Amino acid sequence: MKSLQCFFKFSLAALLIAPFGLVQAQTKWDLASAYPVSNFHTQNLQALAADIEKATNGKLKIVVHPNGSLFPANGIKRAVQTGQAQMGEVLVSSLANENPIFGVDSIPFLATSYKEAAKLWALSKEPTEQALQKQGIKVLYAVPWPPQGLYSKNPITSGADLKGLKWRAYNPATSKIAELVGAQPITVQVADLAQALATGTVNAMMTSGATGVDIKVWESLKYYYEVDAWLPNNILMVNQKDFDSLDKPTQAILVKLSAEAQKRGWEVSEKKNKSDKEILAKNGMIVGPPSPALKNDLDRVGRIMVAEWIRAAGEEGQKIITAFKK
């Protein structure tokens, strides 16, 4: 009888403890993103989060917070660095004021195709990772936006037509372009871009077809020139201490599935480069290549910015550019 009572006591204790233990065993992380749910970068993050939860049997659950809802775009990197969010997705070139290496993928007309963008990332990946590692951040993947095109309210036939326009800037490179062409740079993050266009705060910009579709840019602007200026990378980062706190099998799953998400992201980006431009045209925008005069003027801007970037980045930057141009 006594042994039976002990058995029931043990069984009751096990029932009470088991659910609590299961809850305790789950690790929940927040992932901050600046882009809307409809954006392919956000969808890629959500797919990764679902894959990780399934592969770890719910042991690691990642909650994606889109559209700057957890932290604004310019606060995400800091949030990950300080542990306020375990993970975050950041446009790496937005960090170029910290370190020129972060801005190499946004040098105009350096890498203008997916093949060239992949080569440039391969060359800049290690110094980028090392720079962020010193700040307690681990890079999990990099996925590019489609090539950046030129949007405007009125026709642009040469660089002279850009003078005085209200130019949306989202990183140091876009601010510098505005300076070189005589436009007025206005910093606007993607979450506020539709409103800025609707109110006339901005009337020209360089960004991808994907962003144009996300914000229904045809409601405010009329022209899209396929200048293919650059393919800026979004990087997925994780706080190194939080990563280290995971057990080794979970770390391996996170790294493996992040690599798969990177591959998927590159493929989707390239597909959307074509389909999003078709959507722009379908909604009444005039989509086409730049005039020879405009192309020449923008190429001149690119040459100036390459030289300036090399001076800022020093020997390490020169090595990247030399190897890229081989």
C-alpha atoms as a PDB file:
ATOM      1  CA  MET A   1       0.000   0.000   0.000  1.00  0.00           C
ATOM      2  CA  LYS A   2       2.800   2.333   0.949  1.00  0.00           C
ATOM      3  CA  SER A   3       4.607   1.615  -2.309  1.00  0.00           C
ATOM      4  CA  LEU A   4       1.379   2.273  -4.232  1.00  0.00           C
ATOM      5  CA  GLN A   5       0.977   5.648  -2.518  1.00  0.00           C
ATOM      6  CA  CYS A   6       4.552   6.507  -3.385  1.00  0.00           C
ATOM      7  CA  PHE A   7       3.871   5.575  -7.002  1.00  0.00           C
ATOM      8  CA  PHE A   8       0.840   7.879  -7.185  1.00  0.00           C
ATOM      9  CA  LYS A   9       2.779  10.722  -5.535  1.00  0.00           C
ATOM     10  CA  PHE A  10       5.607  10.278  -8.031  1.00  0.00           C
ATOM     11  CA  SER A  11       3.175  10.132 -10.957  1.00  0.00           C
ATOM     12  CA  LEU A  12       1.394  13.290  -9.804  1.00  0.00           C
ATOM     13  CA  ALA A  13       4.687  15.113  -9.389  1.00  0.00           C
ATOM     14  CA  ALA A  14       5.749  14.023 -12.850  1.00  0.00           C
ATOM     15  CA  LEU A  15       2.496  15.299 -14.359  1.00  0.00           C
ATOM     16  CA  LEU A  16       2.883  18.643 -12.624  1.00  0.00           C
ATOM     17  CA  ILE A  17       6.529  19.058 -13.555  1.00  0.00           C
ATOM     18  CA  ALA A  18       6.381  17.774 -17.140  1.00  0.00           C
ATOM     19  CA  PRO A  19       4.451  20.665 -18.731  1.00  0.00           C
ATOM     20  CA  PHE A  20       6.543  23.197 -16.823  1.00  0.00           C
ATOM     21  CA  GLY A  21       9.713  21.468 -18.000  1.00  0.00           C
ATOM     22  CA  LEU A  22       8.554  21.485 -21.602  1.00  0.00           C
ATOM     23  CA  VAL A  23       7.825  25.211 -21.466  1.00  0.00           C
ATOM     24  CA  GLN A  24      11.170  25.891 -19.870  1.00  0.00           C
ATOM     25  CA  ALA A  25      12.946  23.866 -22.558  1.00  0.00           C
ATOM     26  CA  GLN A  26      11.703  26.136 -25.341  1.00  0.00           C
ATOM     27  CA  THR A  27      13.849  29.126 -26.277  1.00  0.00           C
ATOM     28  CA  LYS A  28      11.952  32.033 -27.777  1.00  0.00           C
ATOM     29  CA  TRP A  29      13.763  34.678 -29.825  1.00  0.00           C
ATOM     30  CA  ASP A  30      12.629  37.943 -31.374  1.00  0.00           C
ATOM     31  CA  LEU A  31      13.721  38.783 -34.918  1.00  0.00           C
ATOM     32  CA  ALA A  32      13.405  42.453 -35.912  1.00  0.00           C
ATOM     33  CA  SER A  33      12.816  43.375 -39.565  1.00  0.00           C
ATOM     34  CA  ALA A  34      12.190  46.732 -41.247  1.00  0.00           C
ATOM     35  CA  TYR A  35      10.122  45.475 -44.187  1.00  0.00           C
ATOM     36  CA  PRO A  36       6.406  44.682 -44.670  1.00  0.00           C
ATOM     37  CA  VAL A  37       4.936  41.194 -44.503  1.00  0.00           C
ATOM     38  CA  SER A  38       4.465  41.184 -48.280  1.00  0.00           C
ATOM     39  CA  ASN A  39       8.182  41.740 -48.946  1.00  0.00           C
ATOM     40  CA  PHE A  40      10.206  38.735 -50.087  1.00  0.00           C
ATOM     41  CA  HIS A  41      12.882  39.352 -47.436  1.00  0.00           C
ATOM     42  CA  THR A  42      10.280  39.160 -44.671  1.00  0.00           C
ATOM     43  CA  GLN A  43       8.705  36.064 -46.206  1.00  0.00           C
ATOM     44  CA  ASN A  44      12.129  34.436 -46.327  1.00  0.00           C
ATOM     45  CA  LEU A  45      12.641  35.181 -42.638  1.00  0.00           C
ATOM     46  CA  GLN A  46       9.247  33.722 -41.781  1.00  0.00           C
ATOM     47  CA  ALA A  47      10.020  30.561 -43.756  1.00  0.00           C
ATOM     48  CA  LEU A  48      13.346  30.255 -41.932  1.00  0.00           C
ATOM     49  CA  ALA A  49      11.662  30.674 -38.553  1.00  0.00           C
ATOM     50  CA  ALA A  50       9.124  27.964 -39.418  1.00  0.00           C
ATOM     51  CA  ASP A  51      11.882  25.619 -40.634  1.00  0.00           C
ATOM     52  CA  ILE A  52      13.895  26.114 -37.447  1.00  0.00           C
ATOM     53  CA  GLU A  53      10.933  25.507 -35.150  1.00  0.00           C
ATOM     54  CA  LYS A  54      10.117  22.300 -37.036  1.00  0.00           C
ATOM     55  CA  ALA A  55      13.731  21.059 -37.180  1.00  0.00           C
ATOM     56  CA  THR A  56      14.242  21.648 -33.450  1.00  0.00           C
ATOM     57  CA  ASN A  57      10.852  20.158 -32.500  1.00  0.00           C
ATOM     58  CA  GLY A  58       9.829  23.501 -31.054  1.00  0.00           C
ATOM     59  CA  LYS A  59      12.972  23.877 -28.980  1.00  0.00           C
ATOM     60  CA  LEU A  60      13.866  27.169 -30.704  1.00  0.00           C
ATOM     61  CA  LYS A  61      10.984  29.441 -31.651  1.00  0.00           C
ATOM     62  CA  ILE A  62      11.753  32.635 -33.584  1.00  0.00           C
ATOM     63  CA  VAL A  63       9.106  35.365 -33.787  1.00  0.00           C
ATOM     64  CA  VAL A  64       9.515  37.681 -36.797  1.00  0.00           C
ATOM     65  CA  HIS A  65       8.496  41.311 -36.198  1.00  0.00           C
ATOM     66  CA  PRO A  66       8.068  42.977 -39.642  1.00  0.00           C
ATOM     67  CA  ASN A  67       7.779  46.561 -40.854  1.00  0.00           C
ATOM     68  CA  GLY A  68       9.819  48.139 -38.069  1.00  0.00           C
ATOM     69  CA  SER A  69       7.200  47.095 -35.499  1.00  0.00           C
ATOM     70  CA  LEU A  70       9.772  46.029 -32.886  1.00  0.00           C
ATOM     71  CA  PHE A  71      12.574  48.478 -33.730  1.00  0.00           C
ATOM     72  CA  PRO A  72      12.904  50.994 -36.579  1.00  0.00           C
ATOM     73  CA  ALA A  73      15.303  50.124 -39.387  1.00  0.00           C
ATOM     74  CA  ASN A  74      18.091  52.296 -38.033  1.00  0.00           C
ATOM     75  CA  GLY A  75      17.755  50.777 -34.546  1.00  0.00           C
ATOM     76  CA  ILE A  76      17.804  47.075 -35.381  1.00  0.00           C
ATOM     77  CA  LYS A  77      21.542  46.533 -35.424  1.00  0.00           C
ATOM     78  CA  ARG A  78      21.948  48.266 -32.075  1.00  0.00           C
ATOM     79  CA  ALA A  79      19.102  46.212 -30.630  1.00  0.00           C
ATOM     80  CA  VAL A  80      20.810  42.964 -31.633  1.00  0.00           C
ATOM     81  CA  GLN A  81      24.190  44.174 -30.408  1.00  0.00           C
ATOM     82  CA  THR A  82      22.793  45.019 -26.963  1.00  0.00           C
ATOM     83  CA  GLY A  83      20.623  41.906 -26.708  1.00  0.00           C
ATOM     84  CA  GLN A  84      17.281  43.737 -26.842  1.00  0.00           C
ATOM     85  CA  ALA A  85      16.475  41.474 -29.811  1.00  0.00           C
ATOM     86  CA  GLN A  86      18.244  38.187 -30.382  1.00  0.00           C
ATOM     87  CA  MET A  87      18.128  38.482 -34.175  1.00  0.00           C
ATOM     88  CA  GLY A  88      17.671  41.202 -36.753  1.00  0.00           C
ATOM     89  CA  GLU A  89      17.773  41.819 -40.481  1.00  0.00           C
ATOM     90  CA  VAL A  90      19.662  44.915 -41.589  1.00  0.00           C
ATOM     91  CA  LEU A  91      20.558  46.568 -44.885  1.00  0.00           C
ATOM     92  CA  VAL A  92      24.292  46.293 -44.361  1.00  0.00           C
ATOM     93  CA  SER A  93      25.119  49.426 -46.359  1.00  0.00           C
ATOM     94  CA  SER A  94      23.073  51.466 -43.877  1.00  0.00           C
ATOM     95  CA  LEU A  95      25.974  50.842 -41.464  1.00  0.00           C
ATOM     96  CA  ALA A  96      28.635  52.289 -43.785  1.00  0.00           C
ATOM     97  CA  ASN A  97      29.243  55.311 -41.557  1.00  0.00           C
ATOM     98  CA  GLU A  98      30.557  52.860 -38.938  1.00  0.00           C
ATOM     99  CA  ASN A  99      32.886  51.074 -41.337  1.00  0.00           C
ATOM    100  CA  PRO A 100      33.344  51.623 -45.114  1.00  0.00           C
ATOM    101  CA  ILE A 101      33.454  47.846 -45.654  1.00  0.00           C
ATOM    102  CA  PHE A 102      29.730  47.707 -44.898  1.00  0.00           C
ATOM    103  CA  GLY A 103      29.046  49.955 -47.898  1.00  0.00           C
ATOM    104  CA  VAL A 104      30.932  48.145 -50.643  1.00  0.00           C
ATOM    105  CA  ASP A 105      27.793  46.574 -52.147  1.00  0.00           C
ATOM    106  CA  SER A 106      26.213  50.016 -52.621  1.00  0.00           C
ATOM    107  CA  ILE A 107      28.968  51.594 -54.692  1.00  0.00           C
ATOM    108  CA  PRO A 108      27.056  52.638 -57.831  1.00  0.00           C
ATOM    109  CA  PHE A 109      27.742  50.673 -60.999  1.00  0.00           C
ATOM    110  CA  LEU A 110      30.382  48.410 -59.468  1.00  0.00           C
ATOM    111  CA  ALA A 111      28.383  45.171 -59.170  1.00  0.00           C
ATOM    112  CA  THR A 112      25.285  45.474 -61.352  1.00  0.00           C
ATOM    113  CA  SER A 113      24.210  41.835 -61.848  1.00  0.00           C
ATOM    114  CA  TYR A 114      23.500  38.890 -59.568  1.00  0.00           C
ATOM    115  CA  LYS A 115      26.694  37.168 -60.679  1.00  0.00           C
ATOM    116  CA  GLU A 116      28.769  40.240 -59.889  1.00  0.00           C
ATOM    117  CA  ALA A 117      26.939  40.783 -56.592  1.00  0.00           C
ATOM    118  CA  ALA A 118      27.720  37.203 -55.533  1.00  0.00           C
ATOM    119  CA  LYS A 119      31.387  37.723 -56.371  1.00  0.00           C
ATOM    120  CA  LEU A 120      31.523  40.979 -54.425  1.00  0.00           C
ATOM    121  CA  TRP A 121      29.870  39.405 -51.361  1.00  0.00           C
ATOM    122  CA  ALA A 122      32.318  36.491 -51.474  1.00  0.00           C
ATOM    123  CA  LEU A 123      35.194  38.996 -51.378  1.00  0.00           C
ATOM    124  CA  SER A 124      33.712  41.234 -48.670  1.00  0.00           C
ATOM    125  CA  LYS A 125      32.050  38.544 -46.532  1.00  0.00           C
ATOM    126  CA  GLU A 126      35.001  37.823 -44.250  1.00  0.00           C
ATOM    127  CA  PRO A 127      35.895  41.443 -43.384  1.00  0.00           C
ATOM    128  CA  THR A 128      32.192  42.206 -42.879  1.00  0.00           C
ATOM    129  CA  GLU A 129      31.776  39.276 -40.512  1.00  0.00           C
ATOM    130  CA  GLN A 130      34.973  40.133 -38.634  1.00  0.00           C
ATOM    131  CA  ALA A 131      33.933  43.760 -38.139  1.00  0.00           C
ATOM    132  CA  LEU A 132      30.557  42.726 -36.711  1.00  0.00           C
ATOM    133  CA  GLN A 133      32.082  39.917 -34.639  1.00  0.00           C
ATOM    134  CA  LYS A 134      34.058  42.548 -32.727  1.00  0.00           C
ATOM    135  CA  GLN A 135      30.707  44.044 -31.732  1.00  0.00           C
ATOM    136  CA  GLY A 136      29.290  40.740 -30.506  1.00  0.00           C
ATOM    137  CA  ILE A 137      27.289  40.019 -33.667  1.00  0.00           C
ATOM    138  CA  LYS A 138      27.315  36.882 -35.791  1.00  0.00           C
ATOM    139  CA  VAL A 139      26.259  37.029 -39.463  1.00  0.00           C
ATOM    140  CA  LEU A 140      23.980  34.184 -40.555  1.00  0.00           C
ATOM    141  CA  TYR A 141      23.319  35.103 -44.192  1.00  0.00           C
ATOM    142  CA  ALA A 142      23.221  37.792 -46.853  1.00  0.00           C
ATOM    143  CA  VAL A 143      20.474  38.190 -49.482  1.00  0.00           C
ATOM    144  CA  PRO A 144      20.473  40.983 -52.083  1.00  0.00           C
ATOM    145  CA  TRP A 145      17.713  43.263 -53.205  1.00  0.00           C
ATOM    146  CA  PRO A 146      17.052  43.323 -56.944  1.00  0.00           C
ATOM    147  CA  PRO A 147      19.130  45.879 -58.892  1.00  0.00           C
ATOM    148  CA  GLN A 148      18.363  49.453 -57.904  1.00  0.00           C
ATOM    149  CA  GLY A 149      16.462  51.489 -60.477  1.00  0.00           C
ATOM    150  CA  LEU A 150      15.779  55.209 -60.738  1.00  0.00           C
ATOM    151  CA  TYR A 151      12.235  56.375 -59.924  1.00  0.00           C
ATOM    152  CA  SER A 152      10.974  59.861 -60.717  1.00  0.00           C
ATOM    153  CA  LYS A 153       7.792  61.861 -61.037  1.00  0.00           C
ATOM    154  CA  ASN A 154       8.923  63.518 -64.285  1.00  0.00           C
ATOM    155  CA  PRO A 155      11.102  62.309 -67.189  1.00  0.00           C
ATOM    156  CA  ILE A 156      14.856  62.164 -66.550  1.00  0.00           C
ATOM    157  CA  THR A 157      16.993  62.409 -69.685  1.00  0.00           C
ATOM    158  CA  SER A 158      20.339  63.352 -68.118  1.00  0.00           C
ATOM    159  CA  GLY A 159      21.988  63.975 -64.791  1.00  0.00           C
ATOM    160  CA  ALA A 160      21.054  67.642 -65.063  1.00  0.00           C
ATOM    161  CA  ASP A 161      17.376  66.713 -64.646  1.00  0.00           C
ATOM    162  CA  LEU A 162      18.128  65.373 -61.149  1.00  0.00           C
ATOM    163  CA  LYS A 163      19.280  68.743 -59.864  1.00  0.00           C
ATOM    164  CA  GLY A 164      17.034  70.098 -57.136  1.00  0.00           C
ATOM    165  CA  LEU A 165      14.857  66.976 -56.860  1.00  0.00           C
ATOM    166  CA  LYS A 166      13.802  65.750 -53.411  1.00  0.00           C
ATOM    167  CA  TRP A 167      15.837  62.562 -53.317  1.00  0.00           C
ATOM    168  CA  ARG A 168      15.060  59.745 -50.916  1.00  0.00           C
ATOM    169  CA  ALA A 169      18.218  58.629 -49.097  1.00  0.00           C
ATOM    170  CA  TYR A 170      18.396  55.399 -47.089  1.00  0.00           C
ATOM    171  CA  ASN A 171      22.153  54.902 -46.665  1.00  0.00           C
ATOM    172  CA  PRO A 172      25.364  56.933 -47.066  1.00  0.00           C
ATOM    173  CA  ALA A 173      25.672  55.921 -50.730  1.00  0.00           C
ATOM    174  CA  THR A 174      22.265  57.301 -51.717  1.00  0.00           C
ATOM    175  CA  SER A 175      23.018  60.520 -49.822  1.00  0.00           C
ATOM    176  CA  LYS A 176      26.309  60.865 -51.692  1.00  0.00           C
ATOM    177  CA  ILE A 177      24.632  60.342 -55.070  1.00  0.00           C
ATOM    178  CA  ALA A 178      22.225  63.164 -54.257  1.00  0.00           C
ATOM    179  CA  GLU A 179      25.154  65.417 -53.422  1.00  0.00           C
ATOM    180  CA  LEU A 180      26.970  64.608 -56.674  1.00  0.00           C
ATOM    181  CA  VAL A 181      23.937  65.193 -58.918  1.00  0.00           C
ATOM    182  CA  GLY A 182      22.710  68.251 -57.063  1.00  0.00           C
ATOM    183  CA  ALA A 183      19.570  66.699 -55.599  1.00  0.00           C
ATOM    184  CA  GLN A 184      18.293  67.283 -52.071  1.00  0.00           C
ATOM    185  CA  PRO A 185      18.837  64.156 -49.921  1.00  0.00           C
ATOM    186  CA  ILE A 186      15.985  63.354 -47.545  1.00  0.00           C
ATOM    187  CA  THR A 187      16.380  60.356 -45.243  1.00  0.00           C
ATOM    188  CA  VAL A 188      13.245  58.209 -45.323  1.00  0.00           C
ATOM    189  CA  GLN A 189      13.068  54.614 -44.112  1.00  0.00           C
ATOM    190  CA  VAL A 190      10.934  52.158 -46.041  1.00  0.00           C
ATOM    191  CA  ALA A 191       8.150  52.089 -43.442  1.00  0.00           C
ATOM    192  CA  ASP A 192       7.551  55.821 -44.061  1.00  0.00           C
ATOM    193  CA  LEU A 193       8.263  55.915 -47.789  1.00  0.00           C
ATOM    194  CA  ALA A 194       4.715  55.691 -49.183  1.00  0.00           C
ATOM    195  CA  GLN A 195       3.618  58.644 -47.088  1.00  0.00           C
ATOM    196  CA  ALA A 196       6.709  60.665 -48.040  1.00  0.00           C
ATOM    197  CA  LEU A 197       5.924  60.131 -51.725  1.00  0.00           C
ATOM    198  CA  ALA A 198       2.223  60.898 -51.305  1.00  0.00           C
ATOM    199  CA  THR A 199       2.934  64.195 -49.563  1.00  0.00           C
ATOM    200  CA  GLY A 200       5.645  65.250 -52.011  1.00  0.00           C
ATOM    201  CA  THR A 201       8.390  65.064 -49.404  1.00  0.00           C
ATOM    202  CA  VAL A 202      10.224  62.871 -51.920  1.00  0.00           C
ATOM    203  CA  ASN A 203       9.868  62.899 -55.723  1.00  0.00           C
ATOM    204  CA  ALA A 204      12.857  60.817 -56.879  1.00  0.00           C
ATOM    205  CA  MET A 205      14.832  57.860 -55.566  1.00  0.00           C
ATOM    206  CA  MET A 206      16.933  54.832 -56.360  1.00  0.00           C
ATOM    207  CA  THR A 207      15.538  51.572 -55.057  1.00  0.00           C
ATOM    208  CA  SER A 208      14.446  48.163 -56.288  1.00  0.00           C
ATOM    209  CA  GLY A 209      11.335  47.138 -58.158  1.00  0.00           C
ATOM    210  CA  ALA A 210      10.433  45.075 -55.081  1.00  0.00           C
ATOM    211  CA  THR A 211      10.216  48.172 -52.882  1.00  0.00           C
ATOM    212  CA  GLY A 212       8.236  49.966 -55.586  1.00  0.00           C
ATOM    213  CA  VAL A 213       5.647  47.203 -55.621  1.00  0.00           C
ATOM    214  CA  ASP A 214       5.533  47.006 -51.806  1.00  0.00           C
ATOM    215  CA  ILE A 215       4.551  50.668 -51.510  1.00  0.00           C
ATOM    216  CA  LYS A 216       2.485  50.942 -54.724  1.00  0.00           C
ATOM    217  CA  VAL A 217       4.866  53.592 -56.007  1.00  0.00           C
ATOM    218  CA  TRP A 218       2.713  54.169 -59.124  1.00  0.00           C
ATOM    219  CA  GLU A 219       0.315  56.136 -56.949  1.00  0.00           C
ATOM    220  CA  SER A 220       2.925  58.913 -56.695  1.00  0.00           C
ATOM    221  CA  LEU A 221       5.628  58.448 -59.359  1.00  0.00           C
ATOM    222  CA  LYS A 222       5.479  57.792 -63.098  1.00  0.00           C
ATOM    223  CA  TYR A 223       8.908  56.706 -64.366  1.00  0.00           C
ATOM    224  CA  TYR A 224      11.216  53.787 -63.590  1.00  0.00           C
ATOM    225  CA  TYR A 225      14.609  53.677 -65.299  1.00  0.00           C
ATOM    226  CA  GLU A 226      16.449  50.349 -65.309  1.00  0.00           C
ATOM    227  CA  VAL A 227      19.854  51.755 -64.405  1.00  0.00           C
ATOM    228  CA  ASP A 228      20.803  48.613 -62.375  1.00  0.00           C
ATOM    229  CA  ALA A 229      22.922  50.738 -60.073  1.00  0.00           C
ATOM    230  CA  TRP A 230      23.774  48.089 -57.434  1.00  0.00           C
ATOM    231  CA  LEU A 231      22.333  45.123 -55.520  1.00  0.00           C
ATOM    232  CA  PRO A 232      22.489  45.942 -51.793  1.00  0.00           C
ATOM    233  CA  ASN A 233      22.522  43.088 -49.310  1.00  0.00           C
ATOM    234  CA  ASN A 234      20.303  42.548 -46.324  1.00  0.00           C
ATOM    235  CA  ILE A 235      22.164  40.558 -43.696  1.00  0.00           C
ATOM    236  CA  LEU A 236      20.596  38.405 -41.008  1.00  0.00           C
ATOM    237  CA  MET A 237      22.458  38.781 -37.726  1.00  0.00           C
ATOM    238  CA  VAL A 238      22.260  37.184 -34.307  1.00  0.00           C
ATOM    239  CA  ASN A 239      23.605  38.270 -30.947  1.00  0.00           C
ATOM    240  CA  GLN A 240      26.714  36.131 -30.426  1.00  0.00           C
ATOM    241  CA  LYS A 241      26.027  35.469 -26.740  1.00  0.00           C
ATOM    242  CA  ASP A 242      22.513  34.275 -27.522  1.00  0.00           C
ATOM    243  CA  PHE A 243      23.878  32.039 -30.282  1.00  0.00           C
ATOM    244  CA  ASP A 244      26.496  30.624 -27.901  1.00  0.00           C
ATOM    245  CA  SER A 245      23.786  29.882 -25.323  1.00  0.00           C
ATOM    246  CA  LEU A 246      22.199  27.344 -27.667  1.00  0.00           C
ATOM    247  CA  ASP A 247      23.296  23.719 -27.501  1.00  0.00           C
ATOM    248  CA  LYS A 248      25.554  22.539 -30.323  1.00  0.00           C
ATOM    249  CA  PRO A 249      22.864  20.608 -32.273  1.00  0.00           C
ATOM    250  CA  THR A 250      20.578  23.662 -32.263  1.00  0.00           C
ATOM    251  CA  GLN A 251      23.447  25.907 -33.359  1.00  0.00           C
ATOM    252  CA  ALA A 252      24.155  23.553 -36.246  1.00  0.00           C
ATOM    253  CA  ILE A 253      20.489  23.566 -37.313  1.00  0.00           C
ATOM    254  CA  LEU A 254      20.376  27.377 -37.215  1.00  0.00           C
ATOM    255  CA  VAL A 255      23.512  27.696 -39.350  1.00  0.00           C
ATOM    256  CA  LYS A 256      22.423  25.025 -41.827  1.00  0.00           C
ATOM    257  CA  LEU A 257      18.909  26.379 -42.338  1.00  0.00           C
ATOM    258  CA  SER A 258      20.234  29.950 -42.593  1.00  0.00           C
ATOM    259  CA  ALA A 259      22.476  28.825 -45.467  1.00  0.00           C
ATOM    260  CA  GLU A 260      19.434  27.297 -47.155  1.00  0.00           C
ATOM    261  CA  ALA A 261      17.463  30.511 -46.591  1.00  0.00           C
ATOM    262  CA  GLN A 262      20.279  32.495 -48.188  1.00  0.00           C
ATOM    263  CA  LYS A 263      20.152  30.317 -51.301  1.00  0.00           C
ATOM    264  CA  ARG A 264      16.371  30.615 -51.446  1.00  0.00           C
ATOM    265  CA  GLY A 265      16.535  34.375 -50.968  1.00  0.00           C
ATOM    266  CA  TRP A 266      18.957  34.896 -53.864  1.00  0.00           C
ATOM    267  CA  GLU A 267      16.752  32.819 -56.159  1.00  0.00           C
ATOM    268  CA  VAL A 268      13.571  34.691 -55.204  1.00  0.00           C
ATOM    269  CA  SER A 269      15.299  38.055 -55.543  1.00  0.00           C
ATOM    270  CA  GLU A 270      16.317  37.294 -59.111  1.00  0.00           C
ATOM    271  CA  LYS A 271      12.808  36.118 -60.045  1.00  0.00           C
ATOM    272  CA  LYS A 272      11.243  39.216 -58.547  1.00  0.00           C
ATOM    273  CA  ASN A 273      13.581  41.481 -60.478  1.00  0.00           C
ATOM    274  CA  LYS A 274      11.633  40.562 -63.602  1.00  0.00           C
ATOM    275  CA  SER A 275       8.135  40.131 -62.206  1.00  0.00           C
ATOM    276  CA  ASP A 276       8.104  43.343 -60.158  1.00  0.00           C
ATOM    277  CA  LYS A 277       9.048  45.476 -63.155  1.00  0.00           C
ATOM    278  CA  GLU A 278       6.157  43.877 -65.025  1.00  0.00           C
ATOM    279  CA  ILE A 279       3.843  44.869 -62.156  1.00  0.00           C
ATOM    280  CA  LEU A 280       5.128  48.458 -62.269  1.00  0.00           C
ATOM    281  CA  ALA A 281       4.384  48.652 -66.005  1.00  0.00           C
ATOM    282  CA  LYS A 282       0.984  47.001 -65.581  1.00  0.00           C
ATOM    283  CA  ASN A 283       0.055  49.750 -63.124  1.00  0.00           C
ATOM    284  CA  GLY A 284       0.860  52.518 -65.562  1.00  0.00           C
ATOM    285  CA  MET A 285       4.503  53.296 -64.907  1.00  0.00           C
ATOM    286  CA  ILE A 286       6.830  53.932 -67.835  1.00  0.00           C
ATOM    287  CA  VAL A 287       9.570  51.317 -67.426  1.00  0.00           C
ATOM    288  CA  GLY A 288      12.663  51.273 -69.587  1.00  0.00           C
ATOM    289  CA  PRO A 289      16.428  51.785 -69.878  1.00  0.00           C
ATOM    290  CA  PRO A 290      18.112  55.151 -69.228  1.00  0.00           C
ATOM    291  CA  SER A 291      19.113  57.421 -72.085  1.00  0.00           C
ATOM    292  CA  PRO A 292      22.794  57.306 -73.122  1.00  0.00           C
ATOM    293  CA  ALA A 293      23.291  60.760 -71.585  1.00  0.00           C
ATOM    294  CA  LEU A 294      21.798  59.711 -68.254  1.00  0.00           C
ATOM    295  CA  LYS A 295      23.817  56.506 -68.229  1.00  0.00           C
ATOM    296  CA  ASN A 296      27.043  58.417 -68.888  1.00  0.00           C
ATOM    297  CA  ASP A 297      26.280  60.910 -66.112  1.00  0.00           C
ATOM    298  CA  LEU A 298      25.522  58.126 -63.623  1.00  0.00           C
ATOM    299  CA  ASP A 299      28.649  56.203 -64.652  1.00  0.00           C
ATOM    300  CA  ARG A 300      30.670  59.320 -63.798  1.00  0.00           C
ATOM    301  CA  VAL A 301      29.063  59.352 -60.352  1.00  0.00           C
ATOM    302  CA  GLY A 302      30.007  55.687 -59.962  1.00  0.00           C
ATOM    303  CA  ARG A 303      33.668  56.312 -60.812  1.00  0.00           C
ATOM    304  CA  ILE A 304      33.885  59.120 -58.267  1.00  0.00           C
ATOM    305  CA  MET A 305      32.309  56.997 -55.557  1.00  0.00           C
ATOM    306  CA  VAL A 306      34.549  53.973 -56.201  1.00  0.00           C
ATOM    307  CA  ALA A 307      37.630  56.170 -55.783  1.00  0.00           C
ATOM    308  CA  GLU A 308      36.234  57.768 -52.624  1.00  0.00           C
ATOM    309  CA  TRP A 309      35.306  54.395 -51.145  1.00  0.00           C
ATOM    310  CA  ILE A 310      38.808  53.018 -51.721  1.00  0.00           C
ATOM    311  CA  ARG A 311      40.328  56.043 -49.978  1.00  0.00           C
ATOM    312  CA  ALA A 312      38.003  55.519 -47.014  1.00  0.00           C
ATOM    313  CA  ALA A 313      38.424  51.733 -46.819  1.00  0.00           C
ATOM    314  CA  GLY A 314      42.201  51.796 -47.279  1.00  0.00           C
ATOM    315  CA  GLU A 315      44.324  48.795 -48.184  1.00  0.00           C
ATOM    316  CA  GLU A 316      41.600  46.273 -47.355  1.00  0.00           C
ATOM    317  CA  GLY A 317      39.183  48.071 -49.653  1.00  0.00           C
ATOM    318  CA  GLN A 318      41.706  48.268 -52.462  1.00  0.00           C
ATOM    319  CA  LYS A 319      42.262  44.507 -52.234  1.00  0.00           C
ATOM    320  CA  ILE A 320      38.521  43.855 -52.565  1.00  0.00           C
ATOM    321  CA  ILE A 321      38.136  46.118 -55.616  1.00  0.00           C
ATOM    322  CA  THR A 322      41.280  44.758 -57.307  1.00  0.00           C
ATOM    323  CA  ALA A 323      40.151  41.162 -56.804  1.00  0.00           C
ATOM    324  CA  PHE A 324      36.621  42.010 -57.956  1.00  0.00           C
ATOM    325  CA  LYS A 325      37.821  43.557 -61.218  1.00  0.00           C
ATOM    326  CA  LYS A 326      40.058  40.613 -62.134  1.00  0.00           C
END
